[in-house]
All heavy atoms as atom14 arrays in JSON, in Angstrom:
{
  "sequence": "YLKCSAQAAVEDSERIFTELIHSIERRCSEVKELIRDQEKVAVSRAEG",
  "atom14_mask": [
    [1, 1, 1, 1, 1, 1, 1, 1, 1, 1, 1, 1, 0, 0],
    [1, 1, 1, 1, 1, 1, 1, 1, 0, 0, 0, 0, 0, 0],
    [1, 1, 1, 1, 1, 1, 1, 1, 1, 0, 0, 0, 0, 0],
    [1, 1, 1, 1, 1, 1, 0, 0, 0, 0, 0, 0, 0, 0],
    [1, 1, 1, 1, 1, 1, 0, 0, 0, 0, 0, 0, 0, 0],
    [1, 1, 1, 1, 1, 0, 0, 0, 0, 0, 0, 0, 0, 0],
    [1, 1, 1, 1, 1, 1, 1, 1, 1, 0, 0, 0, 0, 0],
    [1, 1, 1, 1, 1, 0, 0, 0, 0, 0, 0, 0, 0, 0],
    [1, 1, 1, 1, 1, 0, 0, 0, 0, 0, 0, 0, 0, 0],
    [1, 1, 1, 1, 1, 1, 1, 0, 0, 0, 0, 0, 0, 0],
    [1, 1, 1, 1, 1, 1, 1, 1, 1, 0, 0, 0, 0, 0],
    [1, 1, 1, 1, 1, 1, 1, 1, 0, 0, 0, 0, 0, 0],
    [1, 1, 1, 1, 1, 1, 0, 0, 0, 0, 0, 0, 0, 0],
    [1, 1, 1, 1, 1, 1, 1, 1, 1, 0, 0, 0, 0, 0],
    [1, 1, 1, 1, 1, 1, 1, 1, 1, 1, 1, 0, 0, 0],
    [1, 1, 1, 1, 1, 1, 1, 1, 0, 0, 0, 0, 0, 0],
    [1, 1, 1, 1, 1, 1, 1, 1, 1, 1, 1, 0, 0, 0],
    [1, 1, 1, 1, 1, 1, 1, 0, 0, 0, 0, 0, 0, 0],
    [1, 1, 1, 1, 1, 1, 1, 1, 1, 0, 0, 0, 0, 0],
    [1, 1, 1, 1, 1, 1, 1, 1, 0, 0, 0, 0, 0, 0],
    [1, 1, 1, 1, 1, 1, 1, 1, 0, 0, 0, 0, 0, 0],
    [1, 1, 1, 1, 1, 1, 1, 1, 1, 1, 0, 0, 0, 0],
    [1, 1, 1, 1, 1, 1, 0, 0, 0, 0, 0, 0, 0, 0],
    [1, 1, 1, 1, 1, 1, 1, 1, 0, 0, 0, 0, 0, 0],
    [1, 1, 1, 1, 1, 1, 1, 1, 1, 0, 0, 0, 0, 0],
    [1, 1, 1, 1, 1, 1, 1, 1, 1, 1, 1, 0, 0, 0],
    [1, 1, 1, 1, 1, 1, 1, 1, 1, 1, 1, 0, 0, 0],
    [1, 1, 1, 1, 1, 1, 0, 0, 0, 0, 0, 0, 0, 0],
    [1, 1, 1, 1, 1, 1, 0, 0, 0, 0, 0, 0, 0, 0],
    [1, 1, 1, 1, 1, 1, 1, 1, 1, 0, 0, 0, 0, 0],
    [1, 1, 1, 1, 1, 1, 1, 0, 0, 0, 0, 0, 0, 0],
    [1, 1, 1, 1, 1, 1, 1, 1, 1, 0, 0, 0, 0, 0],
    [1, 1, 1, 1, 1, 1, 1, 1, 1, 0, 0, 0, 0, 0],
    [1, 1, 1, 1, 1, 1, 1, 1, 0, 0, 0, 0, 0, 0],
    [1, 1, 1, 1, 1, 1, 1, 1, 0, 0, 0, 0, 0, 0],
    [1, 1, 1, 1, 1, 1, 1, 1, 1, 1, 1, 0, 0, 0],
    [1, 1, 1, 1, 1, 1, 1, 1, 0, 0, 0, 0, 0, 0],
    [1, 1, 1, 1, 1, 1, 1, 1, 1, 0, 0, 0, 0, 0],
    [1, 1, 1, 1, 1, 1, 1, 1, 1, 0, 0, 0, 0, 0],
    [1, 1, 1, 1, 1, 1, 1, 1, 1, 0, 0, 0, 0, 0],
    [1, 1, 1, 1, 1, 1, 1, 0, 0, 0, 0, 0, 0, 0],
    [1, 1, 1, 1, 1, 0, 0, 0, 0, 0, 0, 0, 0, 0],
    [1, 1, 1, 1, 1, 1, 1, 0, 0, 0, 0, 0, 0, 0],
    [1, 1, 1, 1, 1, 1, 0, 0, 0, 0, 0, 0, 0, 0],
    [1, 1, 1, 1, 1, 1, 1, 1, 1, 1, 1, 0, 0, 0],
    [1, 1, 1, 1, 1, 0, 0, 0, 0, 0, 0, 0, 0, 0],
    [1, 1, 1, 1, 1, 1, 1, 1, 1, 0, 0, 0, 0, 0],
    [1, 1, 1, 1, 0, 0, 0, 0, 0, 0, 0, 0, 0, 0]
  ],
  "atom14_positions": [
    [[11.03, -33.27, 4.75], [11.37, -32.37, 3.86], [10.13, -31.47, 3.39], [10.16, -30.23, 3.31], [11.93, -32.89, 2.5], [12.23, -31.86, 1.49], [13.37, -31.1, 1.41], [11.38, -31.89, 0.37], [13.6, -30.17, 0.43], [11.58, -30.98, -0.62], [12.71, -30.14, -0.61], [12.78, -29.14, -1.6], [0.0, 0.0, 0.0], [0.0, 0.0, 0.0]],
    [[9.03, -32.26, 3.2], [7.67, -31.73, 2.77], [7.25, -30.73, 3.9], [6.73, -29.69, 3.57], [6.73, -32.79, 2.59], [5.32, -32.38, 2.21], [5.3, -31.67, 0.78], [4.33, -33.5, 2.11], [0.0, 0.0, 0.0], [0.0, 0.0, 0.0], [0.0, 0.0, 0.0], [0.0, 0.0, 0.0], [0.0, 0.0, 0.0], [0.0, 0.0, 0.0]],
    [[7.37, -31.12, 5.2], [6.99, -30.29, 6.21], [7.88, -29.01, 6.3], [7.3, -27.96, 6.36], [7.11, -31.03, 7.62], [6.1, -32.05, 7.85], [6.16, -32.78, 9.16], [5.14, -33.76, 9.36], [5.32, -34.44, 10.64], [0.0, 0.0, 0.0], [0.0, 0.0, 0.0], [0.0, 0.0, 0.0], [0.0, 0.0, 0.0], [0.0, 0.0, 0.0]],
    [[9.04, -29.27, 6.21], [9.99, -28.06, 6.2], [9.71, -27.14, 4.95], [9.58, -25.89, 5.17], [11.47, -28.46, 6.12], [12.08, -29.33, 7.66], [0.0, 0.0, 0.0], [0.0, 0.0, 0.0], [0.0, 0.0, 0.0], [0.0, 0.0, 0.0], [0.0, 0.0, 0.0], [0.0, 0.0, 0.0], [0.0, 0.0, 0.0], [0.0, 0.0, 0.0]],
    [[9.49, -27.66, 3.86], [9.19, -27.04, 2.55], [7.8, -26.3, 2.8], [7.69, -24.98, 2.58], [9.11, -27.75, 1.42], [8.76, -27.18, 0.2], [0.0, 0.0, 0.0], [0.0, 0.0, 0.0], [0.0, 0.0, 0.0], [0.0, 0.0, 0.0], [0.0, 0.0, 0.0], [0.0, 0.0, 0.0], [0.0, 0.0, 0.0], [0.0, 0.0, 0.0]],
    [[6.86, -26.89, 3.42], [5.55, -26.21, 3.71], [5.74, -25.11, 4.62], [5.06, -24.01, 4.43], [4.47, -27.29, 4.08], [0.0, 0.0, 0.0], [0.0, 0.0, 0.0], [0.0, 0.0, 0.0], [0.0, 0.0, 0.0], [0.0, 0.0, 0.0], [0.0, 0.0, 0.0], [0.0, 0.0, 0.0], [0.0, 0.0, 0.0], [0.0, 0.0, 0.0]],
    [[6.48, -25.34, 5.72], [6.66, -24.27, 6.61], [7.34, -23.09, 6.08], [6.85, -21.93, 6.28], [7.38, -24.84, 7.84], [7.56, -23.8, 8.96], [6.19, -23.27, 9.57], [5.31, -24.03, 9.57], [6.26, -22.06, 10.04], [0.0, 0.0, 0.0], [0.0, 0.0, 0.0], [0.0, 0.0, 0.0], [0.0, 0.0, 0.0], [0.0, 0.0, 0.0]],
    [[8.41, -23.23, 5.22], [9.14, -22.2, 4.51], [8.15, -21.55, 3.7], [8.08, -20.27, 3.5], [10.28, -22.79, 3.85], [0.0, 0.0, 0.0], [0.0, 0.0, 0.0], [0.0, 0.0, 0.0], [0.0, 0.0, 0.0], [0.0, 0.0, 0.0], [0.0, 0.0, 0.0], [0.0, 0.0, 0.0], [0.0, 0.0, 0.0], [0.0, 0.0, 0.0]],
    [[7.25, -22.2, 3.0], [6.32, -21.62, 1.97], [5.3, -20.83, 2.71], [4.95, -19.66, 2.23], [5.56, -22.62, 1.19], [0.0, 0.0, 0.0], [0.0, 0.0, 0.0], [0.0, 0.0, 0.0], [0.0, 0.0, 0.0], [0.0, 0.0, 0.0], [0.0, 0.0, 0.0], [0.0, 0.0, 0.0], [0.0, 0.0, 0.0], [0.0, 0.0, 0.0]],
    [[4.86, -21.27, 3.87], [3.91, -20.58, 4.71], [4.54, -19.19, 5.25], [3.9, -18.16, 5.09], [3.45, -21.24, 5.92], [2.69, -20.42, 6.87], [2.47, -22.46, 5.54], [0.0, 0.0, 0.0], [0.0, 0.0, 0.0], [0.0, 0.0, 0.0], [0.0, 0.0, 0.0], [0.0, 0.0, 0.0], [0.0, 0.0, 0.0], [0.0, 0.0, 0.0]],
    [[5.89, -19.27, 5.72], [6.44, -18.16, 6.2], [6.77, -17.21, 5.05], [6.6, -15.93, 5.17], [7.82, -18.48, 6.81], [7.58, -19.42, 8.09], [8.82, -19.85, 8.75], [10.01, -19.66, 8.18], [8.96, -20.53, 9.84], [0.0, 0.0, 0.0], [0.0, 0.0, 0.0], [0.0, 0.0, 0.0], [0.0, 0.0, 0.0], [0.0, 0.0, 0.0]],
    [[7.16, -17.68, 3.91], [7.42, -16.79, 2.74], [6.27, -16.15, 2.26], [6.07, -14.89, 1.98], [8.12, -17.5, 1.66], [9.69, -18.02, 1.91], [10.16, -17.38, 2.89], [10.13, -18.88, 1.19], [0.0, 0.0, 0.0], [0.0, 0.0, 0.0], [0.0, 0.0, 0.0], [0.0, 0.0, 0.0], [0.0, 0.0, 0.0], [0.0, 0.0, 0.0]],
    [[5.15, -16.99, 2.17], [3.84, -16.4, 1.74], [3.3, -15.31, 2.66], [2.89, -14.18, 2.21], [2.86, -17.57, 1.68], [3.18, -18.56, 0.77], [0.0, 0.0, 0.0], [0.0, 0.0, 0.0], [0.0, 0.0, 0.0], [0.0, 0.0, 0.0], [0.0, 0.0, 0.0], [0.0, 0.0, 0.0], [0.0, 0.0, 0.0], [0.0, 0.0, 0.0]],
    [[3.56, -15.46, 3.99], [3.04, -14.49, 4.96], [3.94, -13.34, 4.86], [3.3, -12.15, 4.97], [3.2, -15.09, 6.43], [2.68, -14.2, 7.45], [2.8, -14.88, 8.86], [3.39, -16.08, 9.01], [2.35, -14.19, 9.88], [0.0, 0.0, 0.0], [0.0, 0.0, 0.0], [0.0, 0.0, 0.0], [0.0, 0.0, 0.0], [0.0, 0.0, 0.0]],
    [[5.25, -13.43, 4.63], [6.07, -12.27, 4.46], [5.67, -11.46, 3.26], [5.59, -10.3, 3.11], [7.52, -12.67, 4.4], [8.52, -11.61, 4.04], [9.91, -12.18, 4.04], [10.09, -13.16, 2.92], [10.16, -12.99, 1.75], [10.12, -11.81, 1.2], [10.31, -14.06, 0.89], [0.0, 0.0, 0.0], [0.0, 0.0, 0.0], [0.0, 0.0, 0.0]],
    [[5.48, -12.27, 2.13], [5.17, -11.64, 0.83], [3.85, -10.96, 0.86], [3.72, -9.82, 0.4], [5.12, -12.57, -0.21], [6.63, -13.13, -0.55], [4.59, -12.04, -1.59], [6.66, -14.38, -1.52], [0.0, 0.0, 0.0], [0.0, 0.0, 0.0], [0.0, 0.0, 0.0], [0.0, 0.0, 0.0], [0.0, 0.0, 0.0], [0.0, 0.0, 0.0]],
    [[2.81, -11.54, 1.47], [1.5, -11.02, 1.57], [1.51, -9.67, 2.54], [0.9, -8.8, 2.22], [0.5, -11.9, 2.06], [-0.1, -12.68, 0.92], [0.21, -14.06, 0.78], [-1.03, -12.09, 0.17], [-0.4, -14.77, -0.16], [-1.72, -13.0, -0.86], [-1.29, -14.27, -1.11], [0.0, 0.0, 0.0], [0.0, 0.0, 0.0], [0.0, 0.0, 0.0]],
    [[2.36, -9.84, 3.56], [2.53, -8.64, 4.52], [3.22, -7.47, 3.7], [2.61, -6.34, 3.79], [3.44, -8.93, 5.61], [2.88, -10.14, 6.3], [3.62, -7.78, 6.59], [0.0, 0.0, 0.0], [0.0, 0.0, 0.0], [0.0, 0.0, 0.0], [0.0, 0.0, 0.0], [0.0, 0.0, 0.0], [0.0, 0.0, 0.0], [0.0, 0.0, 0.0]],
    [[4.16, -7.79, 2.88], [4.86, -6.7, 2.05], [3.84, -6.19, 1.0], [3.72, -5.02, 0.73], [6.09, -7.25, 1.33], [7.15, -7.71, 2.32], [8.39, -8.34, 1.5], [8.2, -8.55, 0.29], [9.4, -8.6, 2.15], [0.0, 0.0, 0.0], [0.0, 0.0, 0.0], [0.0, 0.0, 0.0], [0.0, 0.0, 0.0], [0.0, 0.0, 0.0]],
    [[2.96, -7.11, 0.52], [2.01, -6.64, -0.42], [1.01, -5.81, 0.16], [0.58, -4.7, -0.38], [1.39, -7.91, -1.12], [0.21, -7.63, -2.14], [0.76, -6.82, -3.25], [-0.44, -8.85, -2.57], [0.0, 0.0, 0.0], [0.0, 0.0, 0.0], [0.0, 0.0, 0.0], [0.0, 0.0, 0.0], [0.0, 0.0, 0.0], [0.0, 0.0, 0.0]],
    [[0.58, -6.05, 1.46], [-0.37, -5.27, 2.11], [0.25, -3.96, 2.4], [-0.3, -2.9, 2.25], [-0.87, -5.96, 3.42], [-1.67, -7.28, 2.97], [-1.68, -5.03, 4.29], [-2.05, -8.1, 4.25], [0.0, 0.0, 0.0], [0.0, 0.0, 0.0], [0.0, 0.0, 0.0], [0.0, 0.0, 0.0], [0.0, 0.0, 0.0], [0.0, 0.0, 0.0]],
    [[1.55, -3.95, 2.81], [2.2, -2.68, 3.22], [2.29, -1.86, 1.98], [2.08, -0.58, 1.85], [3.51, -2.87, 3.79], [3.49, -3.38, 5.21], [4.57, -4.05, 5.81], [2.46, -3.54, 6.09], [4.21, -4.51, 7.06], [2.9, -4.14, 7.16], [0.0, 0.0, 0.0], [0.0, 0.0, 0.0], [0.0, 0.0, 0.0], [0.0, 0.0, 0.0]],
    [[2.56, -2.48, 0.76], [2.81, -1.75, -0.52], [1.37, -1.14, -0.83], [1.31, 0.04, -1.3], [3.29, -2.73, -1.61], [3.31, -2.1, -2.82], [0.0, 0.0, 0.0], [0.0, 0.0, 0.0], [0.0, 0.0, 0.0], [0.0, 0.0, 0.0], [0.0, 0.0, 0.0], [0.0, 0.0, 0.0], [0.0, 0.0, 0.0], [0.0, 0.0, 0.0]],
    [[0.22, -1.97, -0.68], [-1.13, -1.38, -1.08], [-1.35, -0.26, -0.11], [-1.98, 0.76, -0.49], [-2.02, -2.5, -1.11], [-1.78, -3.52, -2.11], [-3.49, -2.0, -1.1], [-2.72, -4.65, -2.13], [0.0, 0.0, 0.0], [0.0, 0.0, 0.0], [0.0, 0.0, 0.0], [0.0, 0.0, 0.0], [0.0, 0.0, 0.0], [0.0, 0.0, 0.0]],
    [[-1.05, -0.37, 1.1], [-1.32, 0.77, 2.12], [-0.61, 2.04, 1.77], [-1.06, 3.18, 1.71], [-0.96, 0.24, 3.53], [-1.91, -0.76, 4.09], [-1.47, -1.19, 5.32], [-0.26, -1.05, 5.77], [-2.29, -1.83, 6.14], [0.0, 0.0, 0.0], [0.0, 0.0, 0.0], [0.0, 0.0, 0.0], [0.0, 0.0, 0.0], [0.0, 0.0, 0.0]],
    [[0.75, 1.78, 1.19], [1.5, 2.93, 0.81], [0.9, 3.6, -0.44], [0.78, 4.9, -0.49], [2.93, 2.54, 0.55], [3.81, 2.36, 1.72], [5.21, 2.24, 1.39], [5.64, 1.14, 0.48], [5.9, -0.04, 0.74], [5.99, -0.41, 2.05], [6.13, -0.82, -0.24], [0.0, 0.0, 0.0], [0.0, 0.0, 0.0], [0.0, 0.0, 0.0]],
    [[0.4, 2.75, -1.35], [-0.14, 3.32, -2.63], [-1.41, 3.98, -2.24], [-1.81, 5.01, -2.82], [-0.47, 2.13, -3.62], [0.82, 1.42, -4.16], [1.69, 2.44, -5.08], [2.9, 1.78, -5.64], [4.07, 1.82, -5.03], [4.21, 2.62, -3.85], [5.08, 1.19, -5.64], [0.0, 0.0, 0.0], [0.0, 0.0, 0.0], [0.0, 0.0, 0.0]],
    [[-2.14, 3.46, -1.23], [-3.44, 4.05, -0.87], [-3.23, 5.52, -0.24], [-3.9, 6.54, -0.53], [-4.08, 3.25, 0.14], [-5.62, 3.92, 0.81], [0.0, 0.0, 0.0], [0.0, 0.0, 0.0], [0.0, 0.0, 0.0], [0.0, 0.0, 0.0], [0.0, 0.0, 0.0], [0.0, 0.0, 0.0], [0.0, 0.0, 0.0], [0.0, 0.0, 0.0]],
    [[-2.0, 5.51, 0.56], [-1.65, 6.86, 1.13], [-1.27, 7.92, 0.1], [-1.63, 9.0, 0.14], [-0.53, 6.64, 2.12], [-0.9, 5.84, 3.15], [0.0, 0.0, 0.0], [0.0, 0.0, 0.0], [0.0, 0.0, 0.0], [0.0, 0.0, 0.0], [0.0, 0.0, 0.0], [0.0, 0.0, 0.0], [0.0, 0.0, 0.0], [0.0, 0.0, 0.0]],
    [[-0.5, 7.33, -0.91], [-0.07, 8.1, -2.07], [-1.28, 8.68, -2.76], [-1.33, 9.92, -3.19], [0.91, 7.4, -2.94], [2.18, 7.18, -2.28], [3.09, 6.23, -3.26], [2.64, 5.94, -4.34], [4.19, 5.96, -2.8], [0.0, 0.0, 0.0], [0.0, 0.0, 0.0], [0.0, 0.0, 0.0], [0.0, 0.0, 0.0], [0.0, 0.0, 0.0]],
    [[-2.22, 7.75, -3.15], [-3.45, 8.24, -3.8], [-4.24, 9.37, -3.09], [-4.69, 10.37, -3.65], [-4.34, 7.0, -4.32], [-5.65, 7.5, -4.8], [-3.67, 6.13, -5.29], [0.0, 0.0, 0.0], [0.0, 0.0, 0.0], [0.0, 0.0, 0.0], [0.0, 0.0, 0.0], [0.0, 0.0, 0.0], [0.0, 0.0, 0.0], [0.0, 0.0, 0.0]],
    [[-4.37, 9.09, -1.73], [-5.18, 9.95, -0.97], [-4.45, 11.31, -0.83], [-4.95, 12.37, -0.92], [-5.27, 9.37, 0.49], [-6.34, 8.17, 0.57], [-6.66, 7.81, 1.94], [-5.51, 7.37, 2.75], [-5.95, 6.93, 4.13], [0.0, 0.0, 0.0], [0.0, 0.0, 0.0], [0.0, 0.0, 0.0], [0.0, 0.0, 0.0], [0.0, 0.0, 0.0]],
    [[-2.99, 11.3, -0.82], [-2.25, 12.51, -0.77], [-2.29, 13.23, -2.06], [-2.55, 14.47, -2.04], [-0.84, 12.11, -0.35], [-0.02, 13.44, -0.23], [1.46, 13.07, 0.21], [1.73, 11.97, 0.42], [2.41, 13.92, 0.27], [0.0, 0.0, 0.0], [0.0, 0.0, 0.0], [0.0, 0.0, 0.0], [0.0, 0.0, 0.0], [0.0, 0.0, 0.0]],
    [[-2.38, 12.49, -3.17], [-2.4, 13.08, -4.47], [-3.75, 13.82, -4.59], [-3.96, 14.89, -5.13], [-2.2, 12.11, -5.55], [-2.41, 12.51, -7.04], [-1.3, 13.6, -7.27], [-2.25, 11.45, -7.88], [0.0, 0.0, 0.0], [0.0, 0.0, 0.0], [0.0, 0.0, 0.0], [0.0, 0.0, 0.0], [0.0, 0.0, 0.0], [0.0, 0.0, 0.0]],
    [[-4.92, 13.04, -4.17], [-6.19, 13.61, -4.36], [-6.41, 15.0, -3.42], [-6.99, 16.0, -3.88], [-7.35, 12.62, -3.91], [-7.32, 11.46, -4.91], [-8.61, 13.28, -3.78], [-8.17, 10.33, -4.53], [0.0, 0.0, 0.0], [0.0, 0.0, 0.0], [0.0, 0.0, 0.0], [0.0, 0.0, 0.0], [0.0, 0.0, 0.0], [0.0, 0.0, 0.0]],
    [[-5.73, 14.88, -2.25], [-5.87, 16.06, -1.32], [-5.11, 17.15, -1.93], [-5.52, 18.43, -1.78], [-5.31, 15.59, -0.01], [-6.16, 14.67, 0.83], [-7.54, 15.22, 1.06], [-8.4, 14.15, 1.76], [-9.82, 14.38, 1.91], [-10.34, 15.35, 1.28], [-10.31, 13.56, 2.56], [0.0, 0.0, 0.0], [0.0, 0.0, 0.0], [0.0, 0.0, 0.0]],
    [[-3.96, 16.87, -2.53], [-3.21, 17.99, -3.05], [-3.95, 18.61, -4.26], [-3.94, 19.89, -4.43], [-1.71, 17.45, -3.63], [-0.85, 17.07, -2.44], [-1.04, 17.58, -1.31], [0.08, 16.3, -2.79], [0.0, 0.0, 0.0], [0.0, 0.0, 0.0], [0.0, 0.0, 0.0], [0.0, 0.0, 0.0], [0.0, 0.0, 0.0], [0.0, 0.0, 0.0]],
    [[-4.39, 17.84, -5.12], [-5.29, 18.27, -6.22], [-6.53, 19.0, -5.71], [-6.76, 20.08, -6.37], [-5.73, 17.19, -7.18], [-4.63, 16.55, -7.88], [-5.09, 15.44, -8.69], [-6.19, 14.9, -8.63], [-4.08, 14.84, -9.61], [0.0, 0.0, 0.0], [0.0, 0.0, 0.0], [0.0, 0.0, 0.0], [0.0, 0.0, 0.0], [0.0, 0.0, 0.0]],
    [[-7.16, 18.57, -4.61], [-8.21, 19.34, -4.05], [-7.73, 20.64, -3.39], [-8.49, 21.69, -3.69], [-8.84, 18.5, -2.94], [-9.93, 19.15, -2.16], [-10.3, 18.35, -0.92], [-9.47, 17.61, -0.5], [-11.45, 18.63, -0.41], [0.0, 0.0, 0.0], [0.0, 0.0, 0.0], [0.0, 0.0, 0.0], [0.0, 0.0, 0.0], [0.0, 0.0, 0.0]],
    [[-6.6, 20.7, -2.9], [-6.14, 21.84, -2.33], [-5.83, 23.03, -3.25], [-6.22, 24.19, -3.24], [-4.71, 21.68, -1.48], [-4.36, 22.76, -0.89], [-3.03, 22.37, 0.04], [-2.42, 23.52, 0.82], [-1.29, 23.21, 1.6], [0.0, 0.0, 0.0], [0.0, 0.0, 0.0], [0.0, 0.0, 0.0], [0.0, 0.0, 0.0], [0.0, 0.0, 0.0]],
    [[-5.24, 22.49, -4.46], [-4.82, 23.36, -5.59], [-6.16, 24.02, -6.19], [-6.28, 25.19, -6.43], [-4.01, 22.8, -6.59], [-3.88, 23.7, -7.88], [-2.59, 22.44, -6.01], [0.0, 0.0, 0.0], [0.0, 0.0, 0.0], [0.0, 0.0, 0.0], [0.0, 0.0, 0.0], [0.0, 0.0, 0.0], [0.0, 0.0, 0.0], [0.0, 0.0, 0.0]],
    [[-7.11, 23.11, -6.46], [-8.33, 23.49, -7.14], [-9.15, 24.47, -6.19], [-9.63, 25.45, -6.57], [-9.15, 22.36, -7.47], [0.0, 0.0, 0.0], [0.0, 0.0, 0.0], [0.0, 0.0, 0.0], [0.0, 0.0, 0.0], [0.0, 0.0, 0.0], [0.0, 0.0, 0.0], [0.0, 0.0, 0.0], [0.0, 0.0, 0.0], [0.0, 0.0, 0.0]],
    [[-9.23, 24.16, -4.85], [-9.94, 24.99, -3.9], [-9.19, 26.38, -3.76], [-10.01, 27.31, -3.62], [-10.17, 24.26, -2.59], [-10.64, 25.15, -1.43], [-11.01, 22.97, -2.66], [0.0, 0.0, 0.0], [0.0, 0.0, 0.0], [0.0, 0.0, 0.0], [0.0, 0.0, 0.0], [0.0, 0.0, 0.0], [0.0, 0.0, 0.0], [0.0, 0.0, 0.0]],
    [[-7.98, 26.24, -3.72], [-7.28, 27.61, -3.51], [-7.58, 28.54, -4.66], [-7.81, 29.81, -4.6], [-5.68, 27.33, -3.36], [-4.94, 28.56, -3.35], [0.0, 0.0, 0.0], [0.0, 0.0, 0.0], [0.0, 0.0, 0.0], [0.0, 0.0, 0.0], [0.0, 0.0, 0.0], [0.0, 0.0, 0.0], [0.0, 0.0, 0.0], [0.0, 0.0, 0.0]],
    [[-7.47, 27.93, -5.91], [-7.72, 28.81, -7.04], [-9.23, 29.23, -7.13], [-9.36, 30.37, -7.37], [-7.58, 27.86, -8.37], [-7.61, 28.59, -9.65], [-7.31, 27.66, -10.78], [-7.57, 28.43, -12.05], [-7.48, 27.78, -13.2], [-7.16, 26.44, -13.22], [-7.66, 28.45, -14.35], [0.0, 0.0, 0.0], [0.0, 0.0, 0.0], [0.0, 0.0, 0.0]],
    [[-10.03, 28.37, -6.68], [-11.5, 28.75, -6.65], [-11.64, 29.94, -5.77], [-12.5, 30.89, -5.89], [-12.32, 27.51, -6.43], [0.0, 0.0, 0.0], [0.0, 0.0, 0.0], [0.0, 0.0, 0.0], [0.0, 0.0, 0.0], [0.0, 0.0, 0.0], [0.0, 0.0, 0.0], [0.0, 0.0, 0.0], [0.0, 0.0, 0.0], [0.0, 0.0, 0.0]],
    [[-11.02, 29.76, -4.49], [-11.23, 30.92, -3.5], [-10.71, 32.18, -3.97], [-11.22, 33.2, -3.65], [-10.39, 30.39, -2.2], [-11.17, 29.25, -1.53], [-10.43, 28.78, -0.27], [-9.19, 29.12, -0.11], [-11.03, 27.96, 0.66], [0.0, 0.0, 0.0], [0.0, 0.0, 0.0], [0.0, 0.0, 0.0], [0.0, 0.0, 0.0], [0.0, 0.0, 0.0]],
    [[-9.5, 31.99, -4.72], [-9.02, 33.31, -5.31], [-10.14, 33.99, -6.28], [-10.24, 35.31, -6.23], [0.0, 0.0, 0.0], [0.0, 0.0, 0.0], [0.0, 0.0, 0.0], [0.0, 0.0, 0.0], [0.0, 0.0, 0.0], [0.0, 0.0, 0.0], [0.0, 0.0, 0.0], [0.0, 0.0, 0.0], [0.0, 0.0, 0.0], [0.0, 0.0, 0.0]]
  ]
}
C-alpha cells in the first residue's frame, strides 16, 4: 500500500507540477503580451 501510495503521490505531484509550470508559462506569455501591447500603444502615440 505504501509503494502504491508513494507511486500515486509521485504521479500526482508530477502532474500538478507540470500543470503549475504550464500555468506559469501562460502567465509569462500574458505578461509579455501585456508589456508588448503597452509598448505598442506608447510607441504609436510617441510616433504621432
